[in-house]
Amino acid sequence: MSGITIGFILGLGLFLIWWSCWVPEEAPQTTGAKRTWMDRIGDDLIQAGYAAIGPRALVATCVLLATFTFVVVTGFVKVASIGGCFAVLLGIAPIGLVRAKARKRRAGLREAWPDAVDNITSGVRAGLALPEALAQLSTRGPAQLRPAFRGFAEDYRTTGRFHDSLDRLKARLADPVGDRLVESLRMAREVGGSDLGRLLRTLSGFLREDAKIRAEMETRQSWTVNAARLAVAAPWVVLAMLCTRPEAVQAYASRAGTLVLVGGGVCTVIAYRLMVRIARLPEEDRVLG
């Protein structure tokens, strides 16, 4: 077993060396098309601060982690069904961690967007052109948004193309509120007129009210989500403790034991998805991203 593990680790290392020799391609922009699961994973990676990884790299990492876990656990307990269970659990862990960090960052951005819109409004009132009002957020805006708007300022200073710079800004933010703001500013730039200040003030007030209501609701429903996570983790923690007793492990080596594990896994997934779907607040989709 030790030889198989060493060979697997060596193969994984060679694969990672080969993988690092290729430059990842920039994901194409989708406008008006139905967003796929991979697109949403890409958005989560950007929102979590891992824009350089890419959704395919994350999925490959999950597969490699699941394979490694299956080999190690099966070699330790000598029961393939138990190794498969823990391989699935640890294989989806990276996606869960990325989504958790993305949700946390979206919550922080939800509080920062009203201040950003107010800064744009102040810049427009002071006589700045719209691109300059956006560029000033790279130094005066909320800290979470400064890197994205710093990239916008560099793009606009280099190319002078406002609409193309807005498209790249949307890609860096990967945020529904950012999409809404960018498209509003794009329309205001194309149509012109004197209603830009009123539009920004209305948007700022709406974002503040939405953030306040959502924060209160998230506080009230957080216990339901935490209870769902505890209920999901408890049986598998017990199974991990049972793996330290050889006589208990052998009970799962039969066909009936495998069916018990499969049935328990299916019930766990269904129950968790139902509880989370009932308790979780709806997330905005990037309909313009």
Protein backbone atom coordinates (compact mmCIF):
# COMPACT_ATOMS: atom_id res chain seq x y z
CA MET A 1 0.00 0.00 0.00
CA SER A 2 2.83 2.39 0.73
CA GLY A 3 4.19 1.87 -2.79
CA ILE A 4 0.80 2.74 -4.33
CA THR A 5 0.54 5.90 -2.21
CA ILE A 6 4.06 7.02 -3.15
CA GLY A 7 3.34 6.35 -6.82
CA PHE A 8 0.11 8.35 -6.64
CA ILE A 9 1.82 11.32 -5.00
CA LEU A 10 4.62 11.20 -7.60
CA GLY A 11 2.10 11.12 -10.43
CA LEU A 12 0.20 14.01 -8.90
CA GLY A 13 3.39 16.04 -8.65
CA LEU A 14 4.30 15.38 -12.29
CA PHE A 15 0.78 16.36 -13.37
CA LEU A 16 0.97 19.65 -11.45
CA ILE A 17 4.36 20.43 -13.02
CA TRP A 18 2.93 19.77 -16.50
CA TRP A 19 -0.19 21.81 -15.68
CA SER A 20 1.86 24.84 -14.56
CA CYS A 21 3.46 25.09 -18.02
CA TRP A 22 0.20 26.18 -19.62
CA VAL A 23 -1.15 29.73 -19.46
CA PRO A 24 -4.87 29.76 -18.53
CA GLU A 25 -7.14 31.35 -21.10
CA GLU A 26 -9.34 34.25 -20.10
CA ALA A 27 -12.95 33.14 -19.73
CA PRO A 28 -15.17 34.49 -22.49
CA GLN A 29 -17.81 37.01 -21.54
CA THR A 30 -21.39 35.83 -21.74
CA THR A 31 -24.07 38.39 -22.46
CA GLY A 32 -27.68 37.37 -22.20
CA ALA A 33 -26.83 33.64 -22.32
CA LYS A 34 -27.98 31.19 -19.71
CA ARG A 35 -25.29 30.81 -17.09
CA THR A 36 -23.96 27.31 -16.48
CA TRP A 37 -22.73 25.66 -13.32
CA MET A 38 -19.12 26.32 -14.39
CA ASP A 39 -19.92 30.01 -14.90
CA ARG A 40 -21.28 30.24 -11.35
CA ILE A 41 -18.21 28.46 -9.99
CA GLY A 42 -16.05 30.98 -11.87
CA ASP A 43 -17.98 33.85 -10.29
CA ASP A 44 -17.55 32.29 -6.85
CA LEU A 45 -13.79 32.02 -7.40
CA ILE A 46 -13.55 35.68 -8.40
CA GLN A 47 -15.69 36.80 -5.47
CA ALA A 48 -13.65 34.66 -3.08
CA GLY A 49 -10.41 36.27 -4.30
CA TYR A 50 -9.14 33.29 -6.33
CA ALA A 51 -9.56 34.73 -9.83
CA ALA A 52 -6.30 33.17 -11.03
CA ILE A 53 -7.46 29.60 -10.40
CA GLY A 54 -10.36 29.11 -12.81
CA PRO A 55 -13.34 26.73 -12.49
CA ARG A 56 -11.73 23.82 -14.38
CA ALA A 57 -8.70 23.95 -12.10
CA LEU A 58 -10.98 23.83 -9.05
CA VAL A 59 -12.88 20.83 -10.40
CA ALA A 60 -9.58 19.08 -11.21
CA THR A 61 -8.40 19.75 -7.65
CA CYS A 62 -11.60 18.22 -6.28
CA VAL A 63 -11.14 15.11 -8.42
CA LEU A 64 -7.50 14.71 -7.38
CA LEU A 65 -8.33 15.22 -3.70
CA ALA A 66 -11.16 12.68 -3.90
CA THR A 67 -8.90 10.15 -5.60
CA PHE A 68 -6.13 10.63 -3.06
CA THR A 69 -8.60 10.34 -0.17
CA PHE A 70 -10.09 7.15 -1.62
CA VAL A 71 -6.65 5.54 -1.98
CA VAL A 72 -5.50 6.50 1.51
CA VAL A 73 -8.71 5.68 3.41
CA THR A 74 -9.28 2.42 1.55
CA GLY A 75 -5.72 1.39 2.24
CA PHE A 76 -6.19 2.17 5.93
CA VAL A 77 -9.58 0.54 6.60
CA LYS A 78 -9.52 -2.05 3.74
CA VAL A 79 -13.18 -1.27 2.87
CA ALA A 80 -13.80 0.46 -0.48
CA SER A 81 -17.29 1.72 0.40
CA ILE A 82 -15.97 3.69 3.39
CA GLY A 83 -13.14 5.07 1.28
CA GLY A 84 -15.68 6.16 -1.34
CA CYS A 85 -17.79 8.00 1.26
CA PHE A 86 -14.88 10.02 2.59
CA ALA A 87 -13.60 10.60 -0.96
CA VAL A 88 -16.90 12.24 -1.89
CA LEU A 89 -17.01 14.31 1.31
CA LEU A 90 -13.47 15.64 0.95
CA GLY A 91 -13.74 15.92 -2.83
CA ILE A 92 -16.50 18.53 -2.62
CA ALA A 93 -14.85 20.37 0.28
CA PRO A 94 -12.85 22.83 -1.90
CA ILE A 95 -16.02 23.97 -3.70
CA GLY A 96 -17.80 24.38 -0.37
CA LEU A 97 -14.93 26.44 1.04
CA VAL A 98 -14.83 28.67 -2.05
CA ARG A 99 -18.58 29.25 -1.93
CA ALA A 100 -18.48 30.02 1.79
CA LYS A 101 -15.74 32.60 1.29
CA ALA A 102 -17.58 34.07 -1.70
CA ARG A 103 -20.78 34.45 0.34
CA LYS A 104 -18.84 36.15 3.11
CA ARG A 105 -17.21 38.56 0.66
CA ARG A 106 -20.55 39.29 -1.04
CA ALA A 107 -21.98 40.21 2.36
CA GLY A 108 -19.10 42.63 2.87
CA LEU A 109 -19.56 44.12 -0.60
CA ARG A 110 -23.27 44.56 0.08
CA GLU A 111 -22.33 46.98 2.85
CA ALA A 112 -19.70 48.73 0.70
CA TRP A 113 -21.68 49.38 -2.48
CA PRO A 114 -23.83 52.27 -1.11
CA ASP A 115 -20.67 54.16 -0.07
CA ALA A 116 -19.16 53.54 -3.50
CA VAL A 117 -22.25 54.91 -5.23
CA ASP A 118 -22.19 57.95 -2.93
CA ASN A 119 -18.56 58.59 -3.90
CA ILE A 120 -19.48 58.46 -7.58
CA THR A 121 -22.35 60.86 -6.95
CA SER A 122 -20.04 63.28 -5.14
CA GLY A 123 -17.55 63.14 -8.00
CA VAL A 124 -20.22 63.87 -10.60
CA ARG A 125 -21.54 66.77 -8.51
CA ALA A 126 -18.01 68.16 -8.26
CA GLY A 127 -17.81 68.33 -12.04
CA LEU A 128 -15.78 65.20 -12.76
CA ALA A 129 -16.46 63.23 -15.91
CA LEU A 130 -18.08 59.85 -15.33
CA PRO A 131 -14.88 57.84 -16.06
CA GLU A 132 -12.92 60.03 -13.66
CA ALA A 133 -15.61 59.65 -10.98
CA LEU A 134 -15.31 55.87 -11.32
CA ALA A 135 -11.50 55.96 -11.34
CA GLN A 136 -11.38 57.89 -8.07
CA LEU A 137 -12.85 54.85 -6.30
CA SER A 138 -9.41 53.25 -6.68
CA THR A 139 -8.16 55.57 -3.94
CA ARG A 140 -11.26 56.97 -2.19
CA GLY A 141 -13.69 54.07 -2.43
CA PRO A 142 -14.28 51.19 0.01
CA ALA A 143 -11.20 49.01 0.50
CA GLN A 144 -12.92 45.87 -0.88
CA LEU A 145 -13.64 47.58 -4.21
CA ARG A 146 -10.40 49.48 -4.74
CA PRO A 147 -8.48 46.75 -6.66
CA ALA A 148 -11.28 46.33 -9.22
CA PHE A 149 -11.63 50.08 -9.81
CA ARG A 150 -7.85 50.46 -9.90
CA GLY A 151 -7.91 48.03 -12.81
CA PHE A 152 -10.67 50.10 -14.44
CA ALA A 153 -8.62 53.28 -14.07
CA GLU A 154 -5.59 51.62 -15.67
CA ASP A 155 -7.68 50.21 -18.53
CA TYR A 156 -9.33 53.55 -19.29
CA ARG A 157 -6.05 55.43 -19.02
CA THR A 158 -4.43 52.98 -21.43
CA THR A 159 -7.20 52.51 -24.02
CA GLY A 160 -9.59 55.45 -23.56
CA ARG A 161 -12.50 53.07 -24.31
CA PHE A 162 -15.12 53.52 -21.64
CA HIS A 163 -17.44 50.65 -22.59
CA ASP A 164 -14.63 48.11 -22.92
CA SER A 165 -13.24 49.20 -19.54
CA LEU A 166 -16.71 48.75 -18.03
CA ASP A 167 -16.90 45.21 -19.41
CA ARG A 168 -13.58 44.31 -17.81
CA LEU A 169 -14.72 45.94 -14.57
CA LYS A 170 -17.80 43.68 -14.54
CA ALA A 171 -15.58 40.65 -15.07
CA ARG A 172 -13.34 41.63 -12.14
CA LEU A 173 -16.26 42.26 -9.80
CA ALA A 174 -18.43 39.26 -10.86
CA ASP A 175 -21.13 40.73 -8.63
CA PRO A 176 -24.86 41.25 -9.38
CA VAL A 177 -24.86 44.71 -7.79
CA GLY A 178 -21.78 45.62 -9.81
CA ASP A 179 -23.57 44.52 -12.99
CA ARG A 180 -26.53 46.71 -12.13
CA LEU A 181 -24.35 49.74 -11.43
CA VAL A 182 -22.21 49.27 -14.54
CA GLU A 183 -25.19 48.93 -16.86
CA SER A 184 -26.87 51.97 -15.29
CA LEU A 185 -23.74 54.04 -15.86
CA ARG A 186 -23.38 52.71 -19.38
CA MET A 187 -26.95 53.75 -20.21
CA ALA A 188 -26.45 57.16 -18.61
CA ARG A 189 -23.30 57.65 -20.69
CA GLU A 190 -25.07 56.71 -23.93
CA VAL A 191 -28.32 58.60 -23.34
CA GLY A 192 -26.91 61.60 -21.49
CA GLY A 193 -29.09 64.04 -19.59
CA SER A 194 -29.15 65.50 -16.10
CA ASP A 195 -30.76 62.57 -14.26
CA LEU A 196 -27.52 60.75 -13.43
CA GLY A 197 -27.30 62.24 -9.94
CA ARG A 198 -30.91 61.32 -9.17
CA LEU A 199 -30.35 57.79 -10.51
CA LEU A 200 -27.29 57.28 -8.33
CA ARG A 201 -29.02 58.63 -5.21
CA THR A 202 -31.98 56.31 -5.81
CA LEU A 203 -29.68 53.34 -6.32
CA SER A 204 -27.70 54.16 -3.17
CA GLY A 205 -30.86 54.33 -1.05
CA PHE A 206 -32.16 51.08 -2.49
CA LEU A 207 -28.86 49.28 -1.82
CA ARG A 208 -28.75 50.50 1.79
CA GLU A 209 -32.30 49.35 2.46
CA ASP A 210 -31.69 45.99 0.80
CA ALA A 211 -28.49 45.41 2.80
CA LYS A 212 -30.24 46.27 6.08
CA ILE A 213 -33.18 43.95 5.47
CA ARG A 214 -30.98 41.10 4.24
CA ALA A 215 -28.66 41.38 7.26
CA GLU A 216 -31.61 41.08 9.65
CA MET A 217 -33.01 38.07 7.80
CA GLU A 218 -29.63 36.34 7.62
CA THR A 219 -29.22 36.73 11.38
CA ARG A 220 -32.60 35.10 12.00
CA GLN A 221 -32.14 32.16 9.62
CA SER A 222 -28.48 31.39 10.41
CA TRP A 223 -29.44 28.91 13.14
CA THR A 224 -31.33 26.79 10.60
CA VAL A 225 -28.34 26.57 8.27
CA ASN A 226 -25.98 25.77 11.16
CA ALA A 227 -28.35 23.05 12.38
CA ALA A 228 -28.41 21.55 8.87
CA ARG A 229 -24.62 21.49 8.73
CA LEU A 230 -24.38 19.88 12.15
CA ALA A 231 -26.95 17.25 11.19
CA VAL A 232 -24.99 16.46 8.03
CA ALA A 233 -21.61 16.22 9.74
CA ALA A 234 -22.64 14.17 12.79
CA PRO A 235 -23.17 10.74 11.12
CA TRP A 236 -19.90 10.94 9.22
CA VAL A 237 -17.96 11.98 12.31
CA VAL A 238 -19.38 8.89 14.01
CA LEU A 239 -18.33 6.78 11.01
CA ALA A 240 -14.80 8.20 11.21
CA MET A 241 -14.66 7.25 14.91
CA LEU A 242 -15.89 3.74 14.11
CA CYS A 243 -13.06 3.33 11.61
CA THR A 244 -10.67 3.06 14.56
CA ARG A 245 -12.33 -0.28 15.51
CA PRO A 246 -11.59 -3.10 13.02
CA GLU A 247 -14.65 -5.13 14.03
CA ALA A 248 -16.94 -2.16 13.33
CA VAL A 249 -15.31 -1.51 9.97
CA GLN A 250 -15.89 -5.07 8.79
CA ALA A 251 -19.64 -4.61 9.22
CA TYR A 252 -19.53 -2.27 6.20
CA ALA A 253 -17.49 -4.64 4.04
CA SER A 254 -20.60 -6.61 3.01
CA ARG A 255 -23.15 -5.69 0.37
CA ALA A 256 -25.66 -4.73 3.05
CA GLY A 257 -23.12 -2.40 4.67
CA THR A 258 -22.44 -0.74 1.33
CA LEU A 259 -26.18 -0.21 0.81
CA VAL A 260 -26.41 1.36 4.28
CA LEU A 261 -23.64 3.83 3.44
CA VAL A 262 -25.12 4.68 0.04
CA GLY A 263 -28.59 5.14 1.51
CA GLY A 264 -27.22 7.28 4.31
CA GLY A 265 -25.31 9.44 1.84
CA VAL A 266 -28.38 9.95 -0.37
CA CYS A 267 -30.56 10.83 2.63
CA THR A 268 -27.91 13.23 3.92
CA VAL A 269 -27.67 15.08 0.61
CA ILE A 270 -31.46 15.31 0.16
CA ALA A 271 -32.09 16.47 3.72
CA TYR A 272 -29.30 19.04 3.63
CA ARG A 273 -30.38 20.48 0.28
CA LEU A 274 -33.98 20.75 1.47
CA MET A 275 -33.09 22.48 4.74
CA VAL A 276 -30.68 24.89 3.07
CA ARG A 277 -33.08 25.66 0.23
CA ILE A 278 -35.89 26.42 2.68
CA ALA A 279 -33.74 28.58 4.95
CA ARG A 280 -31.37 30.35 2.56
CA LEU A 281 -32.21 33.75 1.18
CA PRO A 282 -32.42 34.05 -2.62
CA GLU A 283 -29.27 35.26 -4.33
CA GLU A 284 -29.33 37.69 -7.23
CA ASP A 285 -28.32 36.26 -10.60
CA ARG A 286 -25.92 37.99 -12.95
CA VAL A 287 -28.47 38.43 -15.70
CA LEU A 288 -26.27 41.02 -17.45
CA GLY A 289 -22.91 39.36 -16.75
